N, C-alpha and C. Protein backbone atom coordinates (compact mmCIF):
# COMPACT_ATOMS: atom_id res chain seq x y z
N MET A 1 0.96 -1.14 -0.02
CA MET A 1 -0.03 0.07 -0.24
C MET A 1 1.03 1.17 0.04
N MET A 2 0.49 2.13 -1.07
CA MET A 2 1.44 2.95 -1.05
C MET A 2 0.89 4.47 0.35
N ARG A 3 2.07 4.75 0.84
CA ARG A 3 1.77 5.80 1.89
C ARG A 3 2.42 7.04 1.28
N VAL A 4 1.57 8.11 1.25
CA VAL A 4 2.30 9.76 1.05
C VAL A 4 2.50 10.64 1.94
N LEU A 5 3.49 11.58 1.35
CA LEU A 5 3.11 12.83 2.59
C LEU A 5 2.34 13.77 2.19
N LEU A 6 1.80 14.42 3.02
CA LEU A 6 0.68 15.61 2.81
C LEU A 6 1.31 16.63 3.09
N VAL A 7 1.46 17.94 2.65
CA VAL A 7 2.38 18.81 3.45
C VAL A 7 0.95 19.87 3.22
N GLU A 8 0.59 20.27 4.01
CA GLU A 8 -0.82 21.23 3.68
C GLU A 8 -1.06 21.91 5.21
N ASP A 9 -1.02 23.16 5.51
CA ASP A 9 -1.73 24.04 6.92
C ASP A 9 -3.18 24.00 6.68
N GLU A 10 -4.13 24.34 5.36
CA GLU A 10 -5.26 24.44 6.03
C GLU A 10 -5.97 23.27 6.19
N LEU A 11 -6.48 23.30 7.32
CA LEU A 11 -7.49 22.35 8.17
C LEU A 11 -8.27 21.25 7.33
N ILE A 12 -9.29 22.15 6.65
CA ILE A 12 -10.43 21.55 6.27
C ILE A 12 -9.88 21.01 5.12
N LEU A 13 -9.29 21.51 4.05
CA LEU A 13 -8.60 21.14 2.97
C LEU A 13 -7.85 19.86 3.08
N GLY A 14 -7.13 20.35 4.12
CA GLY A 14 -5.93 18.90 4.30
C GLY A 14 -6.71 17.49 4.98
N ASP A 15 -7.88 17.82 5.98
CA ASP A 15 -9.20 16.66 6.45
C ASP A 15 -9.72 16.09 4.86
N THR A 16 -10.09 17.11 4.01
CA THR A 16 -10.56 16.08 3.10
C THR A 16 -9.89 15.44 2.44
N ILE A 17 -8.69 15.88 2.10
CA ILE A 17 -7.70 15.14 1.21
C ILE A 17 -6.93 13.73 2.33
N VAL A 18 -6.86 14.12 3.27
CA VAL A 18 -7.07 12.70 4.08
C VAL A 18 -7.60 11.87 3.70
N LEU A 19 -9.05 12.11 3.55
CA LEU A 19 -10.14 11.12 3.79
C LEU A 19 -10.30 10.60 2.38
N SER A 20 -9.91 11.82 1.37
CA SER A 20 -10.11 11.27 -0.36
C SER A 20 -9.33 9.61 -0.70
N LEU A 21 -7.86 10.04 -0.05
CA LEU A 21 -6.75 9.38 -0.38
C LEU A 21 -6.78 8.53 0.49
N LYS A 22 -7.81 8.29 1.38
CA LYS A 22 -8.46 6.69 2.62
C LYS A 22 -8.91 6.24 1.41
N LYS A 23 -9.75 6.70 0.70
CA LYS A 23 -10.58 6.12 0.00
C LYS A 23 -10.26 5.73 -1.34
N MET A 24 -9.24 6.14 -1.41
CA MET A 24 -8.22 5.45 -2.50
C MET A 24 -7.27 4.18 -2.46
N GLY A 25 -7.27 4.11 -0.67
CA GLY A 25 -6.32 2.85 0.00
C GLY A 25 -5.48 3.78 -0.09
N ILE A 26 -4.82 5.01 0.13
CA ILE A 26 -3.53 5.39 0.44
C ILE A 26 -3.76 5.53 2.25
N GLU A 27 -2.42 5.34 2.56
CA GLU A 27 -2.25 6.26 3.67
C GLU A 27 -1.15 7.33 3.83
N CYS A 28 -1.59 8.08 4.45
CA CYS A 28 -1.62 9.27 4.49
C CYS A 28 -0.38 9.68 5.73
N ASP A 29 0.91 10.37 6.00
CA ASP A 29 1.14 11.27 6.80
C ASP A 29 0.96 12.55 6.69
N TRP A 30 0.47 13.48 7.57
CA TRP A 30 0.01 15.16 7.29
C TRP A 30 1.31 16.04 7.82
N ALA A 31 1.62 16.86 7.28
CA ALA A 31 2.46 17.79 8.10
C ALA A 31 1.68 18.69 7.96
N LYS A 32 1.94 19.94 8.81
CA LYS A 32 1.05 21.27 8.17
C LYS A 32 2.47 22.46 8.71
N THR A 33 3.56 22.21 8.67
CA THR A 33 4.60 23.15 8.28
C THR A 33 6.21 22.90 7.98
N LEU A 34 6.65 23.63 7.32
CA LEU A 34 8.03 22.52 6.51
C LEU A 34 8.73 21.79 7.87
N LYS A 35 8.71 22.43 9.26
CA LYS A 35 9.31 21.80 10.12
C LYS A 35 8.61 20.04 10.38
N GLU A 36 7.20 20.11 10.32
CA GLU A 36 6.68 18.80 10.84
C GLU A 36 6.95 17.69 9.63
N ALA A 37 7.03 18.61 8.31
CA ALA A 37 7.70 17.83 6.98
C ALA A 37 8.80 17.29 7.29
N GLY A 38 9.92 18.40 7.51
CA GLY A 38 10.94 17.57 7.82
C GLY A 38 11.55 16.49 8.65
N ARG A 39 10.29 16.22 9.83
CA ARG A 39 10.13 15.44 10.43
C ARG A 39 9.96 13.98 10.13
N CYS A 40 8.92 14.07 9.47
CA CYS A 40 8.24 12.91 8.63
C CYS A 40 9.23 12.47 8.17
N LEU A 41 10.00 13.70 6.94
CA LEU A 41 11.13 12.74 5.88
C LEU A 41 11.98 12.62 6.44
N ALA A 42 12.69 12.28 7.97
CA ALA A 42 13.53 12.15 8.74
C ALA A 42 13.66 11.01 8.97
N SER A 43 11.91 10.62 9.43
CA SER A 43 11.42 9.03 9.50
C SER A 43 11.32 7.83 8.48
N GLY A 44 11.84 8.29 7.62
CA GLY A 44 11.83 7.44 6.16
C GLY A 44 10.95 8.39 4.99
N THR A 45 10.80 7.10 3.50
CA THR A 45 10.49 7.64 2.39
C THR A 45 9.63 7.95 2.29
N TYR A 46 8.89 8.47 1.27
CA TYR A 46 7.33 8.59 0.19
C TYR A 46 7.42 8.53 -0.91
N PRO A 47 6.93 7.94 -1.43
CA PRO A 47 7.15 7.51 -3.00
C PRO A 47 6.01 8.73 -3.53
N LEU A 48 5.14 9.31 -2.39
CA LEU A 48 4.60 10.78 -3.63
C LEU A 48 4.56 11.84 -2.27
N TRP A 49 4.83 12.80 -2.76
CA TRP A 49 4.45 13.88 -1.84
C TRP A 49 3.49 15.06 -2.26
N ILE A 50 2.42 15.56 -1.36
CA ILE A 50 1.90 16.57 -2.49
C ILE A 50 1.69 17.56 -1.06
N LEU A 51 2.40 18.70 -1.71
CA LEU A 51 2.98 19.82 -1.29
C LEU A 51 2.15 21.12 -1.36
N ASP A 52 1.89 21.87 -0.52
CA ASP A 52 1.59 23.24 -0.56
C ASP A 52 2.33 23.62 -0.49
N ARG A 53 2.82 25.28 -1.52
CA ARG A 53 3.44 26.09 -1.45
C ARG A 53 3.59 27.27 0.00
N ASN A 54 2.56 27.81 -0.01
CA ASN A 54 2.31 28.93 1.40
C ASN A 54 1.87 28.21 2.30
N LEU A 55 2.93 27.97 3.33
CA LEU A 55 3.22 27.13 4.67
C LEU A 55 3.42 28.35 5.96
N PRO A 56 3.23 28.11 6.69
CA PRO A 56 3.37 28.91 8.29
C PRO A 56 4.90 29.60 8.42
N ASP A 57 5.39 28.65 7.79
CA ASP A 57 6.72 28.87 8.11
C ASP A 57 7.94 28.53 7.02
N GLY A 58 7.16 29.21 5.77
CA GLY A 58 8.00 29.27 4.35
C GLY A 58 7.24 28.66 3.59
N GLU A 59 8.25 28.34 1.93
CA GLU A 59 8.13 28.42 0.74
C GLU A 59 7.80 27.22 0.71
N GLY A 60 6.81 26.29 0.25
CA GLY A 60 7.09 24.86 0.59
C GLY A 60 8.09 24.25 -0.75
N THR A 61 8.57 24.71 -1.32
CA THR A 61 9.45 24.08 -2.86
C THR A 61 10.45 24.34 -2.04
N VAL A 62 10.83 25.01 -1.03
CA VAL A 62 12.18 24.55 -0.14
C VAL A 62 12.25 22.90 0.18
N LEU A 63 11.53 22.25 0.21
CA LEU A 63 11.33 20.86 0.28
C LEU A 63 11.82 19.66 -0.71
N LEU A 64 11.47 20.74 -2.38
CA LEU A 64 11.61 20.40 -3.55
C LEU A 64 13.73 19.88 -3.68
N SER A 65 14.48 20.45 -2.37
CA SER A 65 15.56 20.08 -2.85
C SER A 65 16.42 19.15 -1.44
N HIS A 66 15.17 18.76 -0.46
CA HIS A 66 15.52 18.22 0.61
C HIS A 66 16.53 16.59 -0.35
N PRO A 67 17.44 16.05 0.84
CA PRO A 67 18.10 14.91 0.31
C PRO A 67 16.90 13.45 -0.45
N ARG A 68 15.96 13.37 0.08
CA ARG A 68 15.33 12.15 -0.05
C ARG A 68 14.31 12.89 -0.95
N ARG A 69 14.31 13.87 -1.68
CA ARG A 69 13.57 13.97 -3.07
C ARG A 69 13.69 12.79 -3.92
N SER A 70 15.03 12.84 -4.18
CA SER A 70 15.23 11.99 -5.28
C SER A 70 14.76 10.26 -5.50
N LYS A 71 13.77 10.30 -4.34
CA LYS A 71 12.90 8.76 -3.97
C LYS A 71 11.50 9.28 -4.23
N SER A 72 11.04 10.66 -4.66
CA SER A 72 9.50 10.72 -4.52
C SER A 72 9.19 11.73 -6.04
N LEU A 73 7.79 11.41 -6.47
CA LEU A 73 7.90 12.28 -6.85
C LEU A 73 6.53 13.53 -6.24
N VAL A 74 6.53 14.61 -6.97
CA VAL A 74 5.98 15.88 -6.09
C VAL A 74 5.10 16.01 -6.52
N LEU A 75 3.44 16.32 -6.06
CA LEU A 75 2.15 17.12 -6.85
C LEU A 75 2.57 18.05 -6.01
N ILE A 76 2.24 19.35 -6.24
CA ILE A 76 2.49 20.71 -5.79
C ILE A 76 0.83 20.95 -6.28
N LEU A 77 0.01 21.90 -4.67
CA LEU A 77 -1.19 22.34 -4.43
C LEU A 77 -0.90 23.27 -4.46
N SER A 78 -1.15 24.52 -5.02
CA SER A 78 -0.97 25.78 -4.52
C SER A 78 -2.11 27.31 -5.23
N SER A 79 -2.51 27.56 -4.37
CA SER A 79 -3.16 29.13 -4.76
C SER A 79 -2.18 29.80 -5.76
N LYS A 80 -1.20 29.77 -5.55
CA LYS A 80 -0.43 30.38 -6.95
C LYS A 80 -0.66 29.72 -8.43
N SER A 81 -1.63 30.55 -8.90
CA SER A 81 -2.17 29.87 -10.26
C SER A 81 -1.44 30.22 -11.29
N GLY A 82 -0.92 31.01 -11.37
CA GLY A 82 -0.49 32.16 -12.55
C GLY A 82 0.30 30.89 -13.55
N VAL A 83 0.78 31.33 -14.73
CA VAL A 83 1.24 30.18 -15.69
C VAL A 83 2.62 30.40 -15.02
N GLU A 84 3.20 31.63 -14.77
CA GLU A 84 4.84 31.78 -14.59
C GLU A 84 4.47 31.04 -12.52
N GLU A 85 3.71 31.15 -12.10
CA GLU A 85 4.33 30.69 -11.10
C GLU A 85 4.20 28.74 -11.01
N ARG A 86 3.28 28.48 -11.78
CA ARG A 86 3.54 27.13 -12.46
C ARG A 86 4.57 26.38 -13.17
N ILE A 87 4.85 27.23 -13.79
CA ILE A 87 6.64 27.03 -14.74
C ILE A 87 7.29 26.79 -13.70
N GLN A 88 7.31 27.69 -12.62
CA GLN A 88 8.83 27.92 -11.58
C GLN A 88 8.22 26.96 -10.92
N GLY A 89 7.14 26.33 -10.61
CA GLY A 89 6.79 25.01 -9.68
C GLY A 89 7.70 23.51 -9.69
N LEU A 90 7.36 23.61 -11.40
CA LEU A 90 7.64 22.72 -12.18
C LEU A 90 9.39 22.20 -12.37
N ARG A 91 9.65 23.91 -12.80
CA ARG A 91 11.07 23.94 -13.40
C ARG A 91 11.94 23.66 -11.39
N LEU A 92 11.85 24.54 -10.41
CA LEU A 92 11.89 23.59 -9.19
C LEU A 92 12.33 22.07 -8.91
N GLY A 93 11.42 21.15 -9.71
CA GLY A 93 11.33 19.95 -9.28
C GLY A 93 10.31 19.00 -9.17
N ALA A 94 9.44 20.00 -9.67
CA ALA A 94 7.95 19.28 -9.15
C ALA A 94 7.22 18.40 -10.45
N ASP A 95 6.67 17.46 -9.90
CA ASP A 95 6.30 16.66 -10.92
C ASP A 95 5.02 16.76 -11.95
N ASP A 96 4.42 17.45 -10.51
CA ASP A 96 2.84 17.89 -11.30
C ASP A 96 2.26 19.64 -10.91
N TYR A 97 1.64 20.05 -11.44
CA TYR A 97 1.25 20.88 -10.14
C TYR A 97 -0.49 21.47 -10.36
N LEU A 98 -1.10 21.33 -9.71
CA LEU A 98 -2.42 21.48 -9.47
C LEU A 98 -2.89 22.67 -8.48
N PRO A 99 -3.55 23.88 -9.54
CA PRO A 99 -3.96 25.10 -8.71
C PRO A 99 -5.02 24.86 -8.22
N LYS A 100 -5.19 25.50 -6.84
CA LYS A 100 -6.33 25.64 -6.27
C LYS A 100 -7.43 27.27 -7.00
N PRO A 101 -8.59 26.83 -6.51
CA PRO A 101 -9.63 25.41 -5.93
C PRO A 101 -9.48 24.56 -7.27
N PHE A 102 -9.16 23.37 -6.59
CA PHE A 102 -9.79 22.35 -7.85
C PHE A 102 -10.48 21.11 -7.14
N SER A 103 -10.90 20.27 -8.66
CA SER A 103 -11.54 19.32 -8.69
C SER A 103 -10.96 17.64 -7.54
N PHE A 104 -11.74 17.89 -6.28
CA PHE A 104 -11.47 16.19 -6.17
C PHE A 104 -11.22 14.81 -6.95
N GLN A 105 -11.94 15.04 -8.06
CA GLN A 105 -11.89 14.20 -9.13
C GLN A 105 -10.33 13.87 -9.70
N GLU A 106 -10.43 14.98 -10.12
CA GLU A 106 -9.15 15.54 -10.72
C GLU A 106 -7.92 15.39 -9.71
N LEU A 107 -7.84 15.76 -8.46
CA LEU A 107 -6.85 15.55 -7.69
C LEU A 107 -6.40 13.64 -7.68
N GLU A 108 -7.39 13.27 -7.42
CA GLU A 108 -7.20 11.61 -7.34
C GLU A 108 -6.85 10.93 -8.95
N ALA A 109 -7.16 11.65 -9.69
CA ALA A 109 -6.65 11.32 -11.10
C ALA A 109 -5.02 11.48 -11.33
N ARG A 110 -4.81 12.98 -10.94
CA ARG A 110 -3.40 12.91 -10.71
C ARG A 110 -2.43 11.71 -10.12
N ILE A 111 -3.15 11.80 -9.35
CA ILE A 111 -2.30 10.82 -7.86
C ILE A 111 -2.30 9.72 -8.87
N GLU A 112 -3.35 8.83 -9.09
CA GLU A 112 -3.47 7.76 -9.31
C GLU A 112 -2.05 7.61 -10.88
N ALA A 113 -2.24 8.82 -11.67
CA ALA A 113 -1.08 8.91 -12.78
C ALA A 113 0.19 8.95 -12.06
N LEU A 114 0.71 9.60 -11.46
CA LEU A 114 1.56 9.49 -10.68
C LEU A 114 2.12 8.17 -9.59
N GLY A 115 1.09 7.80 -8.90
CA GLY A 115 1.15 6.55 -8.52
C GLY A 115 2.02 5.18 -9.05
N ARG A 116 1.19 5.32 -11.07
CA ARG A 116 1.99 4.46 -11.68
C ARG A 116 3.12 4.75 -12.35
N ARG A 117 3.67 5.98 -12.01
CA ARG A 117 5.11 6.45 -11.68
C ARG A 117 5.94 6.46 -10.97
N ALA A 118 5.52 6.12 -9.47
CA ALA A 118 6.34 6.60 -8.24
C ALA A 118 7.23 4.81 -7.74
N PRO A 119 7.82 5.38 -7.53
CA PRO A 119 9.31 4.38 -6.98
C PRO A 119 8.23 3.56 -6.05
N THR A 120 8.24 2.11 -6.39
CA THR A 120 7.09 1.26 -5.19
C THR A 120 8.28 0.69 -4.36
N PRO A 121 7.95 0.54 -2.71
CA PRO A 121 9.06 -0.36 -1.90
C PRO A 121 9.34 -1.29 -2.36
N ALA A 122 8.88 -2.07 -3.35
CA ALA A 122 9.03 -3.37 -4.01
C ALA A 122 10.41 -3.26 -4.71
N ALA A 123 10.45 -2.21 -5.58
CA ALA A 123 11.24 -2.24 -6.63
C ALA A 123 12.75 -2.21 -5.69
N GLU A 124 12.55 -1.02 -4.87
CA GLU A 124 13.70 -0.60 -3.90
C GLU A 124 14.37 -1.90 -3.35
N ASP A 125 13.23 -2.52 -2.71
CA ASP A 125 14.31 -3.93 -2.04
C ASP A 125 14.45 -4.88 -2.64
N LYS A 126 14.28 -4.95 -3.72
CA LYS A 126 15.21 -6.31 -4.51
C LYS A 126 16.31 -6.37 -4.57
N ARG A 127 17.04 -5.38 -4.37
CA ARG A 127 18.17 -4.50 -4.08
C ARG A 127 19.08 -5.06 -2.65
N SER A 128 18.33 -5.37 -2.07
CA SER A 128 18.68 -5.63 -0.87
C SER A 128 18.19 -7.73 -0.70
N GLY A 129 17.65 -7.84 -1.26
CA GLY A 129 17.49 -9.17 -1.44
C GLY A 129 15.65 -9.51 -1.32
N TRP A 130 15.15 -8.71 -0.93
CA TRP A 130 14.12 -8.72 -0.11
C TRP A 130 12.75 -8.04 -0.82
N TRP A 131 11.95 -7.93 -1.66
CA TRP A 131 10.76 -7.37 -1.63
C TRP A 131 9.89 -8.03 -1.86
N LEU A 132 8.60 -7.11 -1.87
CA LEU A 132 7.01 -7.57 -1.72
C LEU A 132 6.29 -7.37 -3.46
N ASP A 133 5.69 -8.26 -3.38
CA ASP A 133 4.83 -8.60 -4.75
C ASP A 133 3.37 -8.31 -4.09
N SER A 134 2.76 -7.13 -4.52
CA SER A 134 1.17 -6.33 -4.35
C SER A 134 0.20 -7.55 -4.56
N GLY A 135 0.24 -7.87 -6.13
CA GLY A 135 -0.15 -8.72 -6.44
C GLY A 135 -0.49 -9.99 -6.10
N THR A 136 0.12 -10.65 -5.49
CA THR A 136 0.62 -12.05 -5.60
C THR A 136 0.12 -12.09 -3.25
N LEU A 137 0.07 -10.76 -3.10
CA LEU A 137 0.62 -10.83 -1.12
C LEU A 137 1.79 -11.48 -1.06
N THR A 138 3.15 -11.13 -1.60
CA THR A 138 4.10 -12.29 -1.43
C THR A 138 5.20 -11.70 -1.08
N LEU A 139 6.05 -12.08 0.09
CA LEU A 139 7.20 -11.49 0.05
C LEU A 139 8.13 -12.43 -0.29
N HIS A 140 9.30 -12.06 -1.25
CA HIS A 140 10.24 -12.77 -1.67
C HIS A 140 11.65 -12.09 -0.72
N THR A 141 12.33 -13.29 -0.04
CA THR A 141 13.55 -13.45 0.33
C THR A 141 14.58 -13.92 -0.58
N GLN A 142 15.69 -13.83 0.25
CA GLN A 142 16.88 -14.19 -0.17
C GLN A 142 16.84 -15.60 -0.17
N ARG A 143 15.53 -16.45 0.53
CA ARG A 143 15.95 -18.19 0.71
C ARG A 143 14.54 -18.59 -0.04
N ILE A 144 13.15 -17.81 0.18
CA ILE A 144 11.74 -18.59 -0.28
C ILE A 144 11.29 -17.53 -0.53
N PRO A 145 10.03 -17.54 -1.61
CA PRO A 145 8.61 -16.66 -1.54
C PRO A 145 7.71 -17.33 -0.20
N VAL A 146 7.29 -16.36 0.60
CA VAL A 146 6.29 -16.37 1.67
C VAL A 146 4.98 -15.67 1.03
N GLN A 147 4.08 -16.48 1.47
CA GLN A 147 2.44 -15.83 0.93
C GLN A 147 2.19 -15.55 2.00
N LEU A 148 1.70 -14.13 2.24
CA LEU A 148 1.14 -13.31 3.53
C LEU A 148 -0.44 -13.16 3.19
N THR A 149 -1.21 -13.01 4.33
CA THR A 149 -2.16 -12.26 4.26
C THR A 149 -2.36 -10.95 4.44
N PRO A 150 -3.38 -10.56 3.99
CA PRO A 150 -3.75 -8.81 4.03
C PRO A 150 -2.91 -8.12 5.20
N LEU A 151 -3.33 -8.32 6.25
CA LEU A 151 -2.75 -7.84 7.14
C LEU A 151 -1.09 -8.22 7.52
N GLU A 152 -0.39 -9.22 7.11
CA GLU A 152 0.71 -9.54 7.18
C GLU A 152 1.59 -8.60 5.97
N PHE A 153 1.39 -8.56 4.89
CA PHE A 153 1.57 -7.88 4.17
C PHE A 153 1.83 -6.55 4.20
N LYS A 154 0.63 -5.55 4.63
CA LYS A 154 0.27 -4.45 4.90
C LYS A 154 2.34 -4.49 6.60
N PHE A 155 1.66 -5.46 7.28
CA PHE A 155 2.63 -5.22 8.55
C PHE A 155 4.33 -4.79 8.03
N VAL A 156 4.43 -6.35 7.27
CA VAL A 156 5.69 -5.97 6.84
C VAL A 156 6.15 -4.87 5.56
N ALA A 157 5.08 -4.38 4.91
CA ALA A 157 5.51 -3.30 3.77
C ALA A 157 6.20 -2.27 4.73
N TYR A 158 5.10 -2.09 5.82
CA TYR A 158 5.62 -1.08 6.90
C TYR A 158 6.75 -1.12 6.84
N LEU A 159 6.93 -2.10 7.99
CA LEU A 159 8.28 -2.18 8.23
C LEU A 159 9.40 -2.18 7.25
N LEU A 160 9.40 -2.84 5.78
CA LEU A 160 10.31 -2.79 4.66
C LEU A 160 10.90 -1.12 4.36
N GLU A 161 9.18 -0.42 4.13
CA GLU A 161 9.76 1.22 4.26
C GLU A 161 10.41 1.84 5.58
N ARG A 162 10.73 1.50 6.52
CA ARG A 162 11.43 1.88 7.54
C ARG A 162 12.62 1.15 8.35
N GLU A 163 13.38 0.40 6.70
CA GLU A 163 13.89 -1.14 7.34
C GLU A 163 14.90 -0.44 7.98
N GLY A 164 15.10 -1.21 9.69
CA GLY A 164 16.21 -0.97 10.15
C GLY A 164 16.06 0.23 11.66
N ASP A 165 14.93 0.73 11.20
CA ASP A 165 14.54 1.91 12.23
C ASP A 165 13.57 0.64 13.22
N ILE A 166 14.08 1.23 14.42
CA ILE A 166 12.82 0.90 15.34
C ILE A 166 11.54 1.47 15.59
N VAL A 167 10.43 0.52 15.53
CA VAL A 167 9.14 1.10 15.35
C VAL A 167 8.55 0.79 16.27
N SER A 168 7.70 1.77 17.06
CA SER A 168 7.00 1.11 18.36
C SER A 168 6.18 0.31 17.84
N LYS A 169 5.62 -0.73 19.07
CA LYS A 169 4.25 -1.03 19.27
C LYS A 169 3.18 -0.48 19.19
N ASP A 170 3.14 0.98 19.78
CA ASP A 170 1.69 1.62 19.64
C ASP A 170 1.47 2.16 18.00
N ARG A 171 2.89 2.42 17.72
CA ARG A 171 2.40 3.03 16.66
C ARG A 171 1.83 1.69 15.39
N LEU A 172 2.47 0.86 15.44
CA LEU A 172 2.17 -0.29 14.43
C LEU A 172 0.63 -0.17 15.04
N LEU A 173 -0.01 -0.43 16.12
CA LEU A 173 -1.36 -0.79 16.17
C LEU A 173 -2.26 0.80 15.50
N LYS A 174 -1.48 1.72 16.16
CA LYS A 174 -2.75 2.79 15.06
C LYS A 174 -2.31 2.32 13.39
N ASP A 175 -0.94 2.42 13.24
CA ASP A 175 -1.25 2.87 11.48
C ASP A 175 -0.73 1.77 11.02
N VAL A 176 -0.78 0.37 11.34
CA VAL A 176 -1.25 -1.31 10.75
C VAL A 176 -2.06 -1.32 10.93
N TRP A 177 -2.75 -1.80 12.54
CA TRP A 177 -3.87 -1.77 12.84
C TRP A 177 -5.57 -1.03 12.69
N GLY A 178 -5.17 0.38 12.66
CA GLY A 178 -5.88 1.08 12.35
C GLY A 178 -6.43 1.67 13.98
N PHE A 179 -6.01 1.57 14.76
CA PHE A 179 -6.61 1.72 16.53
C PHE A 179 -6.31 3.11 16.41
N THR A 180 -7.53 3.72 16.96
CA THR A 180 -7.79 5.27 17.54
C THR A 180 -7.23 5.35 19.06
N PHE A 181 -7.75 3.80 19.88
CA PHE A 181 -7.22 4.19 21.09
C PHE A 181 -6.32 2.71 21.12
N LEU A 182 -5.36 2.53 22.47
CA LEU A 182 -4.74 1.56 22.24
C LEU A 182 -4.55 0.51 23.79
N PRO A 183 -5.03 -0.53 23.01
CA PRO A 183 -5.75 -1.81 24.09
C PRO A 183 -4.45 -2.28 24.86
N LYS A 184 -4.80 -2.89 25.79
CA LYS A 184 -3.63 -3.73 26.29
C LYS A 184 -3.62 -5.04 25.64
N THR A 185 -2.62 -5.27 24.47
CA THR A 185 -2.80 -6.33 23.73
C THR A 185 -1.96 -6.86 23.70
N ARG A 186 -1.69 -8.17 22.94
CA ARG A 186 -0.34 -8.98 22.40
C ARG A 186 -0.38 -9.14 20.87
N THR A 187 -1.33 -7.98 20.22
CA THR A 187 -1.32 -8.62 18.86
C THR A 187 -0.23 -8.83 18.18
N VAL A 188 0.48 -7.59 17.94
CA VAL A 188 1.66 -7.47 17.46
C VAL A 188 2.61 -8.19 17.65
N ASP A 189 3.11 -8.86 19.43
CA ASP A 189 3.44 -9.93 18.96
C ASP A 189 3.25 -11.37 18.94
N TYR A 190 1.91 -11.49 18.36
CA TYR A 190 1.32 -12.95 18.20
C TYR A 190 1.75 -12.93 16.40
N LEU A 191 1.56 -11.63 16.16
CA LEU A 191 1.69 -11.30 14.61
C LEU A 191 3.06 -11.58 14.15
N ILE A 192 4.24 -11.43 14.70
CA ILE A 192 5.63 -11.81 14.91
C ILE A 192 5.86 -12.85 15.03
N THR A 193 5.16 -13.75 15.90
CA THR A 193 5.60 -14.97 16.09
C THR A 193 5.36 -16.13 14.82
N GLN A 194 4.17 -15.58 14.27
CA GLN A 194 3.48 -16.42 13.55
C GLN A 194 4.60 -16.57 12.42
N LEU A 195 5.08 -14.64 11.73
CA LEU A 195 5.69 -14.30 10.71
C LEU A 195 7.17 -15.17 10.89
N ARG A 196 7.69 -14.74 11.98
CA ARG A 196 8.47 -15.80 12.56
C ARG A 196 8.54 -17.11 11.94
N LYS A 197 8.34 -17.66 11.95
CA LYS A 197 7.97 -19.43 11.58
C LYS A 197 8.22 -19.25 10.24
N ARG A 198 7.78 -18.51 9.22
CA ARG A 198 8.06 -18.58 7.92
C ARG A 198 8.95 -18.17 7.56
N ILE A 199 9.72 -16.58 8.13
CA ILE A 199 10.57 -15.70 7.59
C ILE A 199 12.18 -15.94 8.26
N GLU A 200 11.85 -16.74 8.79
CA GLU A 200 13.33 -16.98 9.93
C GLU A 200 13.76 -18.02 9.21
N PRO A 201 15.13 -18.60 9.38
CA PRO A 201 15.86 -19.81 9.09
C PRO A 201 16.07 -20.65 10.57
N ASP A 202 15.98 -19.84 11.49
CA ASP A 202 15.48 -20.29 13.25
C ASP A 202 14.75 -19.69 13.86
N PRO A 203 13.09 -19.81 13.97
CA PRO A 203 12.72 -18.69 14.96
C PRO A 203 12.83 -18.36 15.93
N GLU A 204 13.67 -19.53 16.52
CA GLU A 204 14.10 -19.05 18.03
C GLU A 204 15.04 -18.32 18.29
N HIS A 205 16.11 -18.39 17.51
CA HIS A 205 17.22 -16.96 17.02
C HIS A 205 17.04 -16.22 15.83
N PRO A 206 16.20 -15.67 16.06
CA PRO A 206 15.47 -14.44 14.72
C PRO A 206 16.81 -13.50 14.28
N GLN A 207 17.00 -13.28 12.84
CA GLN A 207 18.02 -12.55 12.70
C GLN A 207 17.44 -11.73 11.82
N HIS A 208 16.21 -11.13 10.91
CA HIS A 208 15.50 -10.41 10.83
C HIS A 208 14.30 -9.13 10.95
N LEU A 209 13.36 -10.45 11.92
CA LEU A 209 12.68 -9.43 12.43
C LEU A 209 12.87 -9.70 14.12
N LEU A 210 13.15 -8.66 14.77
CA LEU A 210 13.38 -8.54 15.76
C LEU A 210 12.66 -7.60 16.85
N THR A 211 12.90 -7.83 18.11
CA THR A 211 11.87 -6.85 18.93
C THR A 211 12.81 -6.39 20.14
N VAL A 212 12.69 -5.22 20.35
CA VAL A 212 13.88 -4.48 21.14
C VAL A 212 13.12 -4.53 22.32
N ARG A 213 13.63 -4.67 23.41
CA ARG A 213 12.70 -4.51 24.81
C ARG A 213 12.82 -3.34 25.05
N GLY A 214 11.14 -2.71 25.48
CA GLY A 214 11.00 -1.23 25.49
C GLY A 214 10.90 -0.30 24.38
N ALA A 215 11.09 -0.71 23.15
CA ALA A 215 11.66 0.12 22.15
C ALA A 215 10.38 -0.01 21.22
N GLY A 216 10.42 -1.19 21.13
CA GLY A 216 9.63 -1.83 19.71
C GLY A 216 9.91 -2.84 19.00
N VAL A 217 10.08 -2.98 17.42
CA VAL A 217 10.38 -3.47 16.65
C VAL A 217 10.86 -3.45 15.53
N LYS A 218 11.84 -3.77 15.10
CA LYS A 218 12.38 -3.38 13.20
C LYS A 218 13.16 -4.42 12.66
N LEU A 219 13.30 -4.34 11.47
CA LEU A 219 13.04 -5.50 10.24
C LEU A 219 14.59 -5.62 9.60
N ILE A 220 15.26 -6.63 9.31
CA ILE A 220 16.73 -6.20 8.75
C ILE A 220 16.94 -7.53 7.79
N THR A 221 16.89 -7.17 7.09
CA THR A 221 16.70 -8.09 5.83
C THR A 221 18.39 -8.16 5.23
């Protein structure tokens, strides 16, 4: 499942965009300032950014020079809608430019078009020997292909996008399971146990799907 970065300070518009993305089956991290966007980019990469230009702490196009930009496509949404302003945004590095106000049907169509061009975690992970096939819900490791359930696929994809980073179990419950509150549960531990049986050479001594006591979970391919 694709995850995008939305950088937009207008609350009503941002909420509507997030809902539209959810309807399309796309997950979203929403930053309302350049500073928040920088924190998001420090913790992971996104195949697609949706970027406003007029932000409270500066011009959104400064993000086009971010080191992680090379791994992403960028769609600018902006009230700066003149021809010269659109040309400027594209020449600064944006892949598409949609002036405000806009039709949400057009926004969805443009996102779909960019999504077909966006680098996928599967393509990137092939270099390390691990990659995901979303068509068959299969994880390809250096040893064997592993058939996954939809939830397992979402869980592994989430960790692959953050390979080597420790992700807290609370964050997994929110982002993968969709919990809006955090119940006392061993749901994450149970899923890890089931996955280890299939992806680890020795499930009792895991090398790839690791838990860090008191901190969370990380995946090393």
